Amino acid sequence: MAFANPRKAEPLRFEFTPRQVIALLVPSWQSFRNRRRSAGKSDVFRGLLFAFVGLVFGLFVFGGFYRMLLYIGQFAEFTAPLTHQVLATTSTFILTLLFASTVVTALSTQYLSDDLSLLVSSPISLPALYGSRLVLTALQSSWMVVLFSIPIYAAFAFTSPAPWQFLGAAALALAPLVVIAVAVGSMVTSVLMAVFPARRVREMLVLLAALFVVLLVFLIRVQQPEKLLNPHSIYDISEFFAAFQTPSASLLPSSWATSLLIAGRRAQPLPFMPLALLWSTAAATTVLGCWLARAIYYLGYSRAQESRPAKFSTLPVVDRMLEAITRPFEVRFRSLLLKDMRTFVRDATQWSQLLLLLALIVVYLYNFSVLPSNFTFATFFLQNLFSFLNLGLAGFVLAAVAVRFVFTSVSAEGLAFWIVRSSPLTVDQFLWSKFWTAIPPLVVLSQILTIASNHFLGATMFMTVLSAITILCVTFGIVGLGVGMGAIFPRFKFENVTQIAGSAGGLLYMIAATSFVAVVLFLEAVPVYLYLNAEYRGLPLENRAWLIIAGTLSCVLVVNALAVWLPMRMGARRLAAMEI
């Protein structure tokens, strides 16, 4: 039965006061404050760890933009237009990220939140309810983007003759950009909720977000930003940045924000028209969003409350294919493996992320394919050295993929984990099922990344074979760390799987996986150097060198075995000790 609109007969007017919105936000603030007060040592450690990682990332972003701006400043005739294009691109990028984040976040805050059942049925005016939900949506969807923009704008301020004026202009420009993106994104979500069922809207938003990221990655990469590092192409840089513009760029709020930023950077008075356009558009989109909510919010909320069974299914051909793949395994093991594979194929929120993985592979290999082969430093030694260092980059890519698909595999069982514990399957068999499910796709991915990149680098056959064998062992270690640490830090209560990957356990896994790859590279550095040095000099390897190579490679195998066995063992004990 559809949810009736109790205020359908009310006149359409914009009726709420800031006091009403604040009153509706007070419970959320008190809930947040109580969680902070009741935080234990693990929560404090997690907060400090996230703060440290965020600080390191912010410094990295600041350093990259600062060095780029100093480099651009060396060319006086290009400094002004290039800086303008960098600011325009940054503003457009921030506005796009804000909009995409809002469209996804508004689904939870405005339609699926647990407290909405009480608020919607209470005598609260809809504009006040919409205003409070809009504030919550803005806070949850924009805080990370705003923090990300701080080091970028700080780099512009440090290279500006009027840093404080530029920061003031950035604050005046960023605030209305957030409001505009949040208001427009909320309206898009409201329309989707009013037209489509809630389950389909969530899948649609996830798929659109994946497509958005893929298109954004390709858009940035095809511009070949490595041209900035080649002084001989400095006269093509203006065309490089101009490629980011669109014919309608002057009509976008990001263009108005760029005008304010340019004036602030040049220590000029801020132009009135862009400032007025930004703030008036922010106010207008907020009012339009409220009017749209008065018209369709209850319809969308009614659809969000419908409890319809999921009608996921796969084609018979796909079912037979999955059964053929799992047939060689033992019956109990095969049942769990088949369940995981079917769940992945049927869930659009899972397989849609393969688009991101495909984009990652294409961009990764494209980076090596565009490397010029006539560089003066492209010697035999450095070509193979780059091939060796590429192992670290490939390992990091594998860890980034594994934190989403492998680390989350145990927690993805959700509240139904008690079924696994109640089955004849032991905890060890359960974890090894997760392990062998993740191994084949990651092995294929690692071999493609390594062999293809070595081909583009022109590495020797020895380095290609060594890289392929090493990355194969590293893949087993990364998967073992992912499954084991996922069992050590399970999170069976979640709204979205990405929350598991972004938890403190996911961060610790990334640190452990990156450290593991670094240890493997450190152990193999000596034998690789001995071989390349001998090949470069045209001399055979001595018996002592062969012993060193054999000893270090044995240490690599031991480290990989420990990376698989130790986390899996600890994870099994952790799950076995949990109460169902």
Protein backbone atom coordinates (compact mmCIF):
# COMPACT_ATOMS: atom_id res chain seq x y z
CA MET A 1 0.00 0.00 0.00
CA ALA A 2 1.42 3.37 -0.97
CA PHE A 3 2.34 5.82 1.75
CA ALA A 4 -0.29 8.56 1.82
CA ASN A 5 0.74 12.19 1.82
CA PRO A 6 -0.80 13.71 4.98
CA ARG A 7 -0.03 17.21 3.78
CA LYS A 8 -1.38 16.90 0.27
CA ALA A 9 -4.00 19.56 0.86
CA GLU A 10 -1.52 22.08 2.22
CA PRO A 11 -0.63 25.04 0.00
CA LEU A 12 2.73 24.83 -1.70
CA ARG A 13 4.97 27.19 0.20
CA PHE A 14 8.52 27.32 1.49
CA GLU A 15 7.85 27.17 5.22
CA PHE A 16 10.55 26.40 7.74
CA THR A 17 12.85 28.26 10.05
CA PRO A 18 16.51 27.57 10.84
CA ARG A 19 15.43 26.68 14.39
CA GLN A 20 13.35 23.77 13.08
CA VAL A 21 16.23 22.45 10.99
CA ILE A 22 18.62 22.74 13.94
CA ALA A 23 16.15 20.91 16.18
CA LEU A 24 16.02 18.02 13.70
CA LEU A 25 19.83 17.93 13.51
CA VAL A 26 20.35 17.84 17.29
CA PRO A 27 19.70 14.06 17.64
CA SER A 28 22.29 13.32 14.95
CA TRP A 29 24.81 15.54 16.70
CA GLN A 30 24.11 13.94 20.09
CA SER A 31 24.47 10.47 18.57
CA PHE A 32 27.82 11.45 17.08
CA ARG A 33 28.98 12.98 20.38
CA ASN A 34 27.94 9.91 22.37
CA ARG A 35 29.85 7.63 20.01
CA ARG A 36 32.96 9.73 20.53
CA ARG A 37 32.54 9.64 24.32
CA SER A 38 32.09 5.88 24.40
CA ALA A 39 34.99 5.22 22.05
CA GLY A 40 37.42 2.59 23.27
CA LYS A 41 41.14 2.26 22.74
CA SER A 42 40.64 0.52 19.40
CA ASP A 43 38.45 3.40 18.17
CA VAL A 44 41.03 5.96 19.27
CA PHE A 45 43.78 3.99 17.53
CA ARG A 46 41.67 3.76 14.38
CA GLY A 47 41.03 7.51 14.44
CA LEU A 48 44.71 8.32 14.89
CA LEU A 49 45.66 5.88 12.14
CA PHE A 50 43.18 7.41 9.70
CA ALA A 51 44.36 10.91 10.64
CA PHE A 52 47.98 9.95 10.02
CA VAL A 53 47.23 8.36 6.65
CA GLY A 54 45.10 11.36 5.67
CA LEU A 55 47.88 13.75 6.67
CA VAL A 56 50.45 11.83 4.62
CA PHE A 57 48.13 11.77 1.61
CA GLY A 58 47.41 15.50 1.99
CA LEU A 59 51.12 16.31 2.10
CA PHE A 60 51.66 14.18 -0.99
CA VAL A 61 48.90 16.03 -2.89
CA PHE A 62 50.23 19.39 -1.70
CA GLY A 63 53.76 18.53 -2.77
CA GLY A 64 52.63 17.37 -6.21
CA PHE A 65 50.62 20.51 -6.96
CA TYR A 66 53.30 22.76 -5.44
CA ARG A 67 56.03 21.27 -7.63
CA MET A 68 53.79 21.48 -10.71
CA LEU A 69 52.99 25.15 -10.08
CA LEU A 70 56.66 25.98 -9.56
CA TYR A 71 57.46 24.20 -12.81
CA ILE A 72 54.77 26.12 -14.68
CA GLY A 73 56.06 29.37 -13.17
CA GLN A 74 59.38 28.89 -14.99
CA PHE A 75 57.67 29.74 -18.29
CA ALA A 76 56.47 33.32 -17.93
CA GLU A 77 54.56 33.40 -21.21
CA PHE A 78 52.51 30.33 -20.25
CA THR A 79 52.12 30.78 -16.49
CA ALA A 80 48.85 32.73 -16.52
CA PRO A 81 46.87 30.60 -19.03
CA LEU A 82 48.17 27.32 -17.62
CA THR A 83 47.36 28.31 -14.05
CA HIS A 84 43.89 29.31 -15.20
CA GLN A 85 43.40 25.91 -16.86
CA VAL A 86 44.66 24.04 -13.78
CA LEU A 87 42.22 25.93 -11.55
CA ALA A 88 39.36 25.40 -14.00
CA THR A 89 40.09 21.68 -14.22
CA THR A 90 40.34 21.41 -10.42
CA SER A 91 37.04 23.25 -9.88
CA THR A 92 35.24 21.09 -12.46
CA PHE A 93 36.69 17.95 -10.93
CA ILE A 94 35.61 18.95 -7.41
CA LEU A 95 32.09 19.86 -8.57
CA THR A 96 31.75 16.54 -10.40
CA LEU A 97 32.95 14.54 -7.40
CA LEU A 98 30.56 16.41 -5.11
CA PHE A 99 27.63 15.71 -7.41
CA ALA A 100 28.44 12.00 -7.81
CA SER A 101 28.96 11.54 -4.08
CA THR A 102 25.69 13.33 -3.28
CA VAL A 103 23.60 11.22 -5.64
CA VAL A 104 24.75 8.06 -3.84
CA THR A 105 24.64 9.47 -0.30
CA ALA A 106 21.18 11.05 -0.63
CA LEU A 107 19.66 7.61 -1.14
CA SER A 108 20.60 6.62 2.43
CA THR A 109 20.13 9.92 4.25
CA GLN A 110 16.84 10.96 2.64
CA TYR A 111 15.06 7.66 2.00
CA LEU A 112 16.64 4.68 3.79
CA SER A 113 17.66 6.11 7.17
CA ASP A 114 16.20 4.30 10.20
CA ASP A 115 14.87 7.44 11.89
CA LEU A 116 12.82 8.55 8.87
CA SER A 117 9.86 6.34 9.83
CA LEU A 118 9.40 8.45 12.96
CA LEU A 119 10.13 11.82 11.33
CA VAL A 120 7.85 11.34 8.31
CA SER A 121 4.89 10.37 10.50
CA SER A 122 5.43 13.30 12.90
CA PRO A 123 3.84 16.78 12.49
CA ILE A 124 7.05 18.22 11.05
CA SER A 125 6.78 20.35 7.94
CA LEU A 126 8.29 18.70 4.91
CA PRO A 127 10.52 21.70 4.07
CA ALA A 128 12.06 21.48 7.56
CA LEU A 129 12.56 17.73 7.18
CA TYR A 130 14.06 18.20 3.72
CA GLY A 131 16.35 20.97 4.96
CA SER A 132 17.72 18.83 7.80
CA ARG A 133 18.25 15.86 5.49
CA LEU A 134 19.95 18.16 3.00
CA VAL A 135 22.40 19.30 5.67
CA LEU A 136 23.16 15.69 6.66
CA THR A 137 23.64 14.78 3.01
CA ALA A 138 26.01 17.71 2.52
CA LEU A 139 28.09 16.76 5.57
CA GLN A 140 28.38 13.08 4.66
CA SER A 141 28.99 13.53 0.94
CA SER A 142 31.30 16.54 0.90
CA TRP A 143 33.63 16.27 3.90
CA MET A 144 36.16 14.06 2.11
CA VAL A 145 36.09 16.14 -1.08
CA VAL A 146 36.54 19.35 0.92
CA LEU A 147 39.47 17.88 2.85
CA PHE A 148 40.97 16.70 -0.44
CA SER A 149 40.71 20.23 -1.86
CA ILE A 150 42.49 21.88 1.10
CA PRO A 151 46.06 20.78 0.14
CA ILE A 152 45.35 21.68 -3.50
CA TYR A 153 44.25 25.21 -2.69
CA ALA A 154 47.07 25.51 -0.14
CA ALA A 155 49.57 24.81 -2.92
CA PHE A 156 48.02 27.59 -5.01
CA ALA A 157 48.11 29.91 -1.99
CA PHE A 158 51.81 29.24 -1.30
CA THR A 159 52.67 30.12 -4.91
CA SER A 160 50.40 33.19 -4.97
CA PRO A 161 51.47 36.79 -4.27
CA ALA A 162 48.37 37.17 -2.06
CA PRO A 163 47.91 33.84 -0.26
CA TRP A 164 45.30 35.01 2.26
CA GLN A 165 43.17 36.67 -0.39
CA PHE A 166 43.31 33.51 -2.47
CA LEU A 167 42.23 31.37 0.50
CA GLY A 168 39.34 33.77 1.14
CA ALA A 169 38.28 33.51 -2.49
CA ALA A 170 38.53 29.71 -2.27
CA ALA A 171 36.24 29.66 0.78
CA LEU A 172 33.71 31.95 -0.94
CA ALA A 173 33.76 29.74 -4.05
CA LEU A 174 33.82 26.30 -2.45
CA ALA A 175 30.84 26.82 -0.10
CA PRO A 176 28.25 27.52 -2.85
CA LEU A 177 29.76 24.76 -5.02
CA VAL A 178 28.99 22.28 -2.23
CA VAL A 179 25.43 23.61 -1.86
CA ILE A 180 24.76 23.49 -5.61
CA ALA A 181 26.14 19.97 -6.02
CA VAL A 182 24.24 18.68 -2.98
CA ALA A 183 20.94 20.30 -4.01
CA VAL A 184 21.12 19.11 -7.63
CA GLY A 185 22.30 15.64 -6.61
CA SER A 186 19.46 15.32 -4.10
CA MET A 187 16.94 16.29 -6.78
CA VAL A 188 18.32 13.64 -9.14
CA THR A 189 18.01 11.01 -6.40
CA SER A 190 14.45 12.12 -5.63
CA VAL A 191 13.42 11.75 -9.27
CA LEU A 192 15.02 8.29 -9.49
CA MET A 193 13.29 7.17 -6.29
CA ALA A 194 9.93 8.38 -7.59
CA VAL A 195 10.31 6.55 -10.90
CA PHE A 196 12.14 3.32 -10.08
CA PRO A 197 11.93 0.79 -7.21
CA ALA A 198 14.38 1.37 -4.37
CA ARG A 199 16.39 -1.79 -5.06
CA ARG A 200 16.85 -0.87 -8.69
CA VAL A 201 17.83 2.68 -7.81
CA ARG A 202 20.64 1.46 -5.56
CA GLU A 203 21.99 -0.86 -8.26
CA MET A 204 21.62 1.88 -10.85
CA LEU A 205 23.52 4.39 -8.73
CA VAL A 206 26.37 1.95 -8.11
CA LEU A 207 26.61 1.17 -11.81
CA LEU A 208 26.52 4.86 -12.75
CA ALA A 209 29.21 5.63 -10.16
CA ALA A 210 31.42 2.90 -11.62
CA LEU A 211 30.89 4.19 -15.15
CA PHE A 212 31.60 7.73 -13.97
CA VAL A 213 34.93 6.74 -12.44
CA VAL A 214 35.89 4.77 -15.55
CA LEU A 215 35.10 7.69 -17.85
CA LEU A 216 36.91 10.11 -15.56
CA VAL A 217 40.04 7.94 -15.51
CA PHE A 218 40.06 7.64 -19.29
CA LEU A 219 39.38 11.36 -19.72
CA ILE A 220 42.38 12.31 -17.58
CA ARG A 221 44.69 9.66 -19.00
CA VAL A 222 44.10 10.32 -22.70
CA GLN A 223 45.26 13.89 -22.15
CA GLN A 224 48.78 12.44 -21.63
CA PRO A 225 49.79 14.51 -18.59
CA GLU A 226 53.35 13.16 -18.92
CA LYS A 227 53.82 15.95 -21.49
CA LEU A 228 54.30 18.29 -18.54
CA LEU A 229 57.57 16.50 -17.77
CA ASN A 230 58.95 17.01 -21.28
CA PRO A 231 60.35 20.55 -21.77
CA HIS A 232 60.33 20.08 -25.56
CA SER A 233 56.52 19.90 -25.53
CA ILE A 234 56.00 23.05 -23.49
CA TYR A 235 54.37 24.75 -26.45
CA ASP A 236 51.71 22.04 -26.52
CA ILE A 237 50.82 22.34 -22.84
CA SER A 238 48.24 25.08 -23.44
CA GLU A 239 46.44 22.77 -25.87
CA PHE A 240 46.73 19.99 -23.28
CA PHE A 241 44.85 21.98 -20.63
CA ALA A 242 42.42 23.45 -23.16
CA ALA A 243 41.32 19.92 -24.00
CA PHE A 244 39.65 19.71 -20.60
CA GLN A 245 37.27 22.53 -21.45
CA THR A 246 33.85 22.01 -22.95
CA PRO A 247 31.80 24.46 -25.05
CA SER A 248 29.40 25.02 -22.14
CA ALA A 249 32.09 25.54 -19.49
CA SER A 250 31.13 29.19 -19.03
CA LEU A 251 27.65 28.13 -17.91
CA LEU A 252 28.90 25.81 -15.18
CA PRO A 253 29.27 26.93 -11.54
CA SER A 254 32.84 25.68 -11.62
CA SER A 255 33.62 28.35 -14.22
CA TRP A 256 32.28 31.07 -11.91
CA ALA A 257 34.34 29.66 -9.06
CA THR A 258 37.43 29.70 -11.26
CA SER A 259 36.94 33.41 -11.96
CA LEU A 260 36.94 34.10 -8.22
CA LEU A 261 40.03 31.97 -7.67
CA ILE A 262 41.95 33.65 -10.48
CA ALA A 263 41.15 37.09 -9.10
CA GLY A 264 42.18 36.04 -5.60
CA ARG A 265 45.44 34.56 -6.86
CA ARG A 266 46.30 37.76 -8.73
CA ALA A 267 45.46 39.94 -5.69
CA GLN A 268 42.65 41.63 -7.62
CA PRO A 269 39.19 42.62 -6.34
CA LEU A 270 36.79 39.69 -6.53
CA PRO A 271 34.39 40.07 -9.49
CA PHE A 272 30.82 40.68 -8.40
CA MET A 273 28.98 38.78 -11.13
CA PRO A 274 30.56 35.31 -10.61
CA LEU A 275 30.16 35.69 -6.84
CA ALA A 276 26.50 36.66 -7.21
CA LEU A 277 25.86 33.85 -9.68
CA LEU A 278 27.36 31.26 -7.35
CA TRP A 279 25.41 32.23 -4.24
CA SER A 280 22.15 32.96 -6.04
CA THR A 281 22.35 29.61 -7.83
CA ALA A 282 23.02 27.88 -4.51
CA ALA A 283 19.91 29.50 -3.00
CA ALA A 284 17.79 28.81 -6.08
CA THR A 285 18.72 25.11 -6.27
CA THR A 286 17.93 24.70 -2.57
CA VAL A 287 14.45 26.24 -3.02
CA LEU A 288 13.81 24.19 -6.18
CA GLY A 289 14.84 21.05 -4.33
CA CYS A 290 12.37 21.83 -1.56
CA TRP A 291 9.56 22.41 -4.05
CA LEU A 292 10.40 19.17 -5.85
CA ALA A 293 10.39 17.32 -2.52
CA ARG A 294 6.91 18.70 -1.75
CA ALA A 295 5.73 17.15 -5.01
CA ILE A 296 7.41 13.71 -5.11
CA TYR A 297 9.15 12.98 -1.79
CA TYR A 298 6.32 10.89 -0.32
CA LEU A 299 6.07 8.84 -3.49
CA GLY A 300 9.79 8.09 -3.37
CA TYR A 301 9.66 7.34 0.36
CA SER A 302 6.75 4.96 -0.20
CA ARG A 303 8.73 3.08 -2.84
CA ALA A 304 11.72 2.91 -0.48
CA GLN A 305 9.59 1.10 2.14
CA GLU A 306 8.35 -1.58 -0.23
CA SER A 307 9.77 -4.95 0.75
CA ARG A 308 9.96 -7.03 -2.37
CA PRO A 309 11.99 -10.20 -2.62
CA ALA A 310 15.04 -9.95 -4.79
CA LYS A 311 14.54 -11.55 -8.17
CA PHE A 312 18.14 -12.12 -9.06
CA SER A 313 18.77 -14.96 -11.44
CA THR A 314 21.39 -16.07 -13.85
CA LEU A 315 21.09 -17.55 -17.27
CA PRO A 316 21.07 -21.38 -17.39
CA VAL A 317 24.25 -21.24 -19.47
CA VAL A 318 26.01 -19.24 -16.74
CA ASP A 319 24.77 -21.63 -14.05
CA ARG A 320 26.05 -24.65 -15.96
CA MET A 321 29.37 -22.92 -16.55
CA LEU A 322 29.82 -22.14 -12.84
CA GLU A 323 28.89 -25.70 -11.90
CA ALA A 324 31.45 -27.06 -14.37
CA ILE A 325 34.16 -24.84 -12.89
CA THR A 326 33.47 -26.02 -9.34
CA ARG A 327 32.89 -29.71 -10.15
CA PRO A 328 36.50 -30.88 -9.39
CA PHE A 329 36.20 -29.74 -5.75
CA GLU A 330 34.86 -31.70 -2.77
CA VAL A 331 31.09 -31.43 -2.24
CA ARG A 332 31.00 -29.18 0.86
CA PHE A 333 33.81 -27.01 -0.45
CA ARG A 334 32.16 -26.85 -3.87
CA SER A 335 28.83 -25.68 -2.44
CA LEU A 336 30.39 -22.67 -0.73
CA LEU A 337 32.54 -21.84 -3.75
CA LEU A 338 29.51 -22.04 -6.07
CA LYS A 339 27.51 -19.83 -3.70
CA ASP A 340 30.21 -17.14 -3.73
CA MET A 341 30.49 -17.20 -7.52
CA ARG A 342 26.74 -17.01 -8.03
CA THR A 343 26.42 -14.17 -5.55
CA PHE A 344 29.11 -12.22 -7.37
CA VAL A 345 27.51 -12.75 -10.79
CA ARG A 346 23.99 -11.89 -9.59
CA ASP A 347 24.88 -8.81 -7.56
CA ALA A 348 25.22 -5.74 -9.78
CA THR A 349 27.01 -3.85 -7.00
CA GLN A 350 29.77 -6.48 -7.21
CA TRP A 351 30.31 -7.18 -10.89
CA SER A 352 29.87 -3.54 -11.90
CA GLN A 353 33.16 -2.83 -10.17
CA LEU A 354 34.86 -5.01 -12.76
CA LEU A 355 34.52 -1.96 -14.99
CA LEU A 356 36.86 -0.14 -12.61
CA LEU A 357 39.26 -3.08 -12.71
CA LEU A 358 39.20 -3.09 -16.51
CA ALA A 359 39.91 0.65 -16.56
CA LEU A 360 42.76 0.12 -14.12
CA ILE A 361 44.36 -2.50 -16.35
CA VAL A 362 43.99 -0.43 -19.51
CA VAL A 363 45.40 2.74 -17.93
CA TYR A 364 48.22 0.81 -16.25
CA LEU A 365 49.35 -0.76 -19.52
CA TYR A 366 48.76 2.42 -21.48
CA ASN A 367 51.21 4.24 -19.22
CA PHE A 368 53.96 1.85 -20.32
CA SER A 369 52.95 1.80 -23.98
CA VAL A 370 53.36 5.58 -24.31
CA LEU A 371 56.87 5.60 -22.86
CA PRO A 372 59.22 6.74 -25.64
CA SER A 373 61.81 4.17 -26.64
CA ASN A 374 64.40 6.77 -27.68
CA PHE A 375 65.10 8.25 -24.25
CA THR A 376 68.79 8.65 -23.57
CA PHE A 377 68.40 6.88 -20.24
CA ALA A 378 66.72 3.83 -21.82
CA THR A 379 69.84 1.69 -21.34
CA PHE A 380 69.97 -2.04 -20.78
CA PHE A 381 70.52 -1.63 -17.06
CA LEU A 382 67.78 0.91 -16.42
CA GLN A 383 65.26 -0.87 -18.63
CA ASN A 384 65.57 -3.98 -16.50
CA LEU A 385 65.72 -1.92 -13.32
CA PHE A 386 62.38 -0.35 -14.22
CA SER A 387 61.06 -3.83 -14.88
CA PHE A 388 62.10 -4.87 -11.39
CA LEU A 389 60.62 -1.78 -9.76
CA ASN A 390 57.43 -2.42 -11.73
CA LEU A 391 56.93 -5.44 -9.46
CA GLY A 392 56.33 -3.08 -6.57
CA LEU A 393 53.77 -1.08 -8.54
CA ALA A 394 52.00 -4.23 -9.70
CA GLY A 395 51.97 -5.52 -6.12
CA PHE A 396 50.38 -2.30 -4.91
CA VAL A 397 47.70 -2.54 -7.62
CA LEU A 398 46.96 -6.12 -6.57
CA ALA A 399 46.69 -5.04 -2.92
CA ALA A 400 44.27 -2.25 -3.90
CA VAL A 401 42.10 -4.76 -5.78
CA ALA A 402 42.35 -7.33 -2.99
CA VAL A 403 41.27 -4.92 -0.26
CA ARG A 404 37.94 -4.57 -2.06
CA PHE A 405 37.32 -8.13 -3.21
CA VAL A 406 39.42 -10.38 -0.94
CA PHE A 407 39.58 -8.60 2.42
CA THR A 408 35.80 -8.12 2.34
CA SER A 409 35.00 -11.72 1.37
CA VAL A 410 34.64 -13.02 4.94
CA SER A 411 32.59 -10.07 6.20
CA ALA A 412 30.44 -10.20 3.05
CA GLU A 413 28.66 -13.21 4.58
CA GLY A 414 26.91 -10.63 6.76
CA LEU A 415 24.50 -11.62 9.48
CA ALA A 416 24.06 -14.98 7.74
CA PHE A 417 27.52 -16.05 8.93
CA TRP A 418 25.83 -18.20 11.57
CA ILE A 419 24.70 -20.49 8.74
CA VAL A 420 28.33 -21.13 7.83
CA ARG A 421 29.20 -21.82 11.46
CA SER A 422 26.26 -24.19 11.78
CA SER A 423 27.17 -26.14 8.64
CA PRO A 424 29.48 -29.18 8.55
CA LEU A 425 32.13 -26.93 7.04
CA THR A 426 35.00 -26.09 9.41
CA VAL A 427 36.36 -22.57 9.79
CA ASP A 428 39.59 -23.59 8.04
CA GLN A 429 37.66 -24.99 5.08
CA PHE A 430 35.57 -21.82 4.95
CA LEU A 431 38.66 -19.59 4.78
CA TRP A 432 40.44 -21.77 2.22
CA SER A 433 37.30 -21.65 0.10
CA LYS A 434 37.58 -17.85 0.10
CA PHE A 435 41.29 -18.18 -0.69
CA TRP A 436 40.89 -20.41 -3.73
CA THR A 437 37.96 -18.36 -5.00
CA ALA A 438 40.13 -15.23 -5.13
CA ILE A 439 43.35 -16.78 -6.44
CA PRO A 440 42.49 -17.42 -10.15
CA PRO A 441 41.30 -13.91 -11.13
CA LEU A 442 44.13 -12.19 -9.26
CA VAL A 443 46.74 -14.52 -10.78
CA VAL A 444 45.44 -13.70 -14.26
CA LEU A 445 45.45 -9.97 -13.44
CA SER A 446 49.00 -10.07 -12.03
CA GLN A 447 50.40 -11.96 -15.02
CA ILE A 448 48.77 -9.58 -17.51
CA LEU A 449 50.11 -6.52 -15.70
CA THR A 450 53.63 -7.92 -15.36
CA ILE A 451 54.22 -9.62 -18.72
CA ALA A 452 52.62 -6.88 -20.81
CA SER A 453 54.42 -4.06 -18.99
CA ASN A 454 57.78 -5.89 -19.35
CA HIS A 455 57.08 -6.19 -23.07
CA PHE A 456 56.56 -2.44 -23.37
CA LEU A 457 59.69 -1.79 -21.28
CA GLY A 458 61.82 -4.07 -23.45
CA ALA A 459 63.05 -6.13 -20.49
CA THR A 460 65.19 -9.24 -20.95
CA MET A 461 63.75 -12.73 -20.87
CA PHE A 462 65.35 -13.32 -17.45
CA MET A 463 63.62 -10.31 -15.92
CA THR A 464 60.31 -11.22 -17.56
CA VAL A 465 60.41 -14.78 -16.20
CA LEU A 466 61.62 -13.63 -12.77
CA SER A 467 58.89 -10.99 -12.62
CA ALA A 468 56.19 -13.49 -13.61
CA ILE A 469 57.30 -16.02 -10.97
CA THR A 470 57.72 -13.36 -8.29
CA ILE A 471 54.35 -11.74 -8.87
CA LEU A 472 52.76 -15.23 -8.82
CA CYS A 473 54.17 -15.84 -5.33
CA VAL A 474 53.26 -12.31 -4.24
CA THR A 475 49.68 -12.89 -5.39
CA PHE A 476 49.38 -15.90 -3.08
CA GLY A 477 50.75 -13.82 -0.20
CA ILE A 478 48.41 -10.89 -0.87
CA VAL A 479 45.37 -13.18 -1.06
CA GLY A 480 46.41 -15.01 2.10
CA LEU A 481 46.85 -11.71 3.93
CA GLY A 482 43.47 -10.52 2.62
CA VAL A 483 41.46 -13.56 3.67
CA GLY A 484 43.29 -13.95 6.99
CA MET A 485 43.12 -10.31 8.04
CA GLY A 486 39.52 -10.15 6.84
CA ALA A 487 38.79 -12.92 9.35
CA ILE A 488 40.82 -11.19 12.08
CA PHE A 489 38.89 -7.93 11.57
CA PRO A 490 35.39 -9.08 10.54
CA ARG A 491 32.54 -6.62 10.17
CA PHE A 492 29.31 -8.52 9.60
CA LYS A 493 27.04 -5.51 10.14
CA PHE A 494 27.40 -3.09 7.23
CA GLU A 495 25.29 -1.10 4.79
CA ASN A 496 27.75 -1.24 1.93
CA VAL A 497 30.71 -3.52 1.25
CA THR A 498 32.92 -0.48 0.65
CA GLN A 499 32.57 0.33 4.36
CA ILE A 500 34.46 -2.89 5.11
CA ALA A 501 37.32 -1.99 2.78
CA GLY A 502 37.51 1.52 4.28
CA SER A 503 37.56 0.34 7.89
CA ALA A 504 40.59 0.29 10.18
CA GLY A 505 41.13 -3.38 9.33
CA GLY A 506 41.21 -2.55 5.62
CA LEU A 507 43.77 0.17 6.24
CA LEU A 508 45.93 -2.21 8.28
CA TYR A 509 45.67 -4.76 5.50
CA MET A 510 46.92 -2.24 2.92
CA ILE A 511 49.86 -1.40 5.18
CA ALA A 512 50.65 -5.10 5.72
CA ALA A 513 50.31 -5.95 2.01
CA THR A 514 52.47 -3.02 0.94
CA SER A 515 55.11 -3.92 3.53
CA PHE A 516 55.03 -7.53 2.33
CA VAL A 517 55.68 -6.46 -1.28
CA ALA A 518 58.51 -4.17 -0.10
CA VAL A 519 60.16 -7.06 1.80
CA VAL A 520 60.01 -9.28 -1.30
CA LEU A 521 61.60 -6.55 -3.44
CA PHE A 522 64.28 -5.96 -0.83
CA LEU A 523 65.19 -9.67 -0.77
CA GLU A 524 65.35 -9.92 -4.56
CA ALA A 525 67.31 -6.70 -5.04
CA VAL A 526 70.71 -8.35 -4.50
CA PRO A 527 70.31 -11.29 -6.93
CA VAL A 528 68.79 -9.03 -9.56
CA TYR A 529 71.71 -6.63 -9.25
CA LEU A 530 74.24 -9.46 -9.50
CA TYR A 531 72.62 -10.82 -12.65
CA LEU A 532 72.21 -7.46 -14.37
CA ASN A 533 75.75 -6.45 -13.49
CA ALA A 534 77.12 -9.68 -14.97
CA GLU A 535 75.01 -9.36 -18.11
CA TYR A 536 76.00 -5.73 -18.57
CA ARG A 537 79.68 -6.59 -18.32
CA GLY A 538 79.34 -9.73 -20.43
CA LEU A 539 80.74 -11.95 -17.68
CA PRO A 540 79.39 -15.27 -16.35
CA LEU A 541 78.00 -15.44 -12.83
CA GLU A 542 80.35 -16.82 -10.18
CA ASN A 543 79.43 -19.77 -7.98
CA ARG A 544 79.18 -17.41 -4.99
CA ALA A 545 76.67 -15.29 -6.87
CA TRP A 546 74.57 -18.36 -7.69
CA LEU A 547 74.54 -19.32 -4.01
CA ILE A 548 73.40 -15.82 -3.04
CA ILE A 549 70.65 -15.93 -5.66
CA ALA A 550 69.46 -19.36 -4.49
CA GLY A 551 69.52 -18.30 -0.84
CA THR A 552 67.59 -15.07 -1.35
CA LEU A 553 64.99 -16.74 -3.57
CA SER A 554 64.50 -19.38 -0.86
CA CYS A 555 63.93 -16.57 1.65
CA VAL A 556 61.33 -15.09 -0.71
CA LEU A 557 59.47 -18.42 -0.79
CA VAL A 558 59.56 -18.63 3.00
CA VAL A 559 58.22 -15.07 3.37
CA ASN A 560 55.42 -15.82 0.92
CA ALA A 561 54.52 -19.03 2.75
CA LEU A 562 54.39 -17.15 6.06
CA ALA A 563 52.24 -14.42 4.47
CA VAL A 564 49.72 -17.10 3.50
CA TRP A 565 49.80 -19.45 6.51
CA LEU A 566 50.15 -17.07 9.46
CA PRO A 567 47.18 -14.71 8.72
CA MET A 568 44.98 -17.65 7.68
CA ARG A 569 45.76 -19.45 10.94
CA MET A 570 45.16 -16.37 13.08
CA GLY A 571 41.94 -15.61 11.19
CA ALA A 572 40.64 -19.15 11.72
CA ARG A 573 41.27 -18.88 15.46
CA ARG A 574 39.55 -15.50 15.58
CA LEU A 575 36.42 -16.78 13.84
CA ALA A 576 36.36 -19.97 15.88
CA ALA A 577 36.45 -17.95 19.11
CA MET A 578 33.53 -15.74 18.06
CA GLU A 579 30.09 -16.37 19.49
CA ILE A 580 27.37 -16.95 16.92
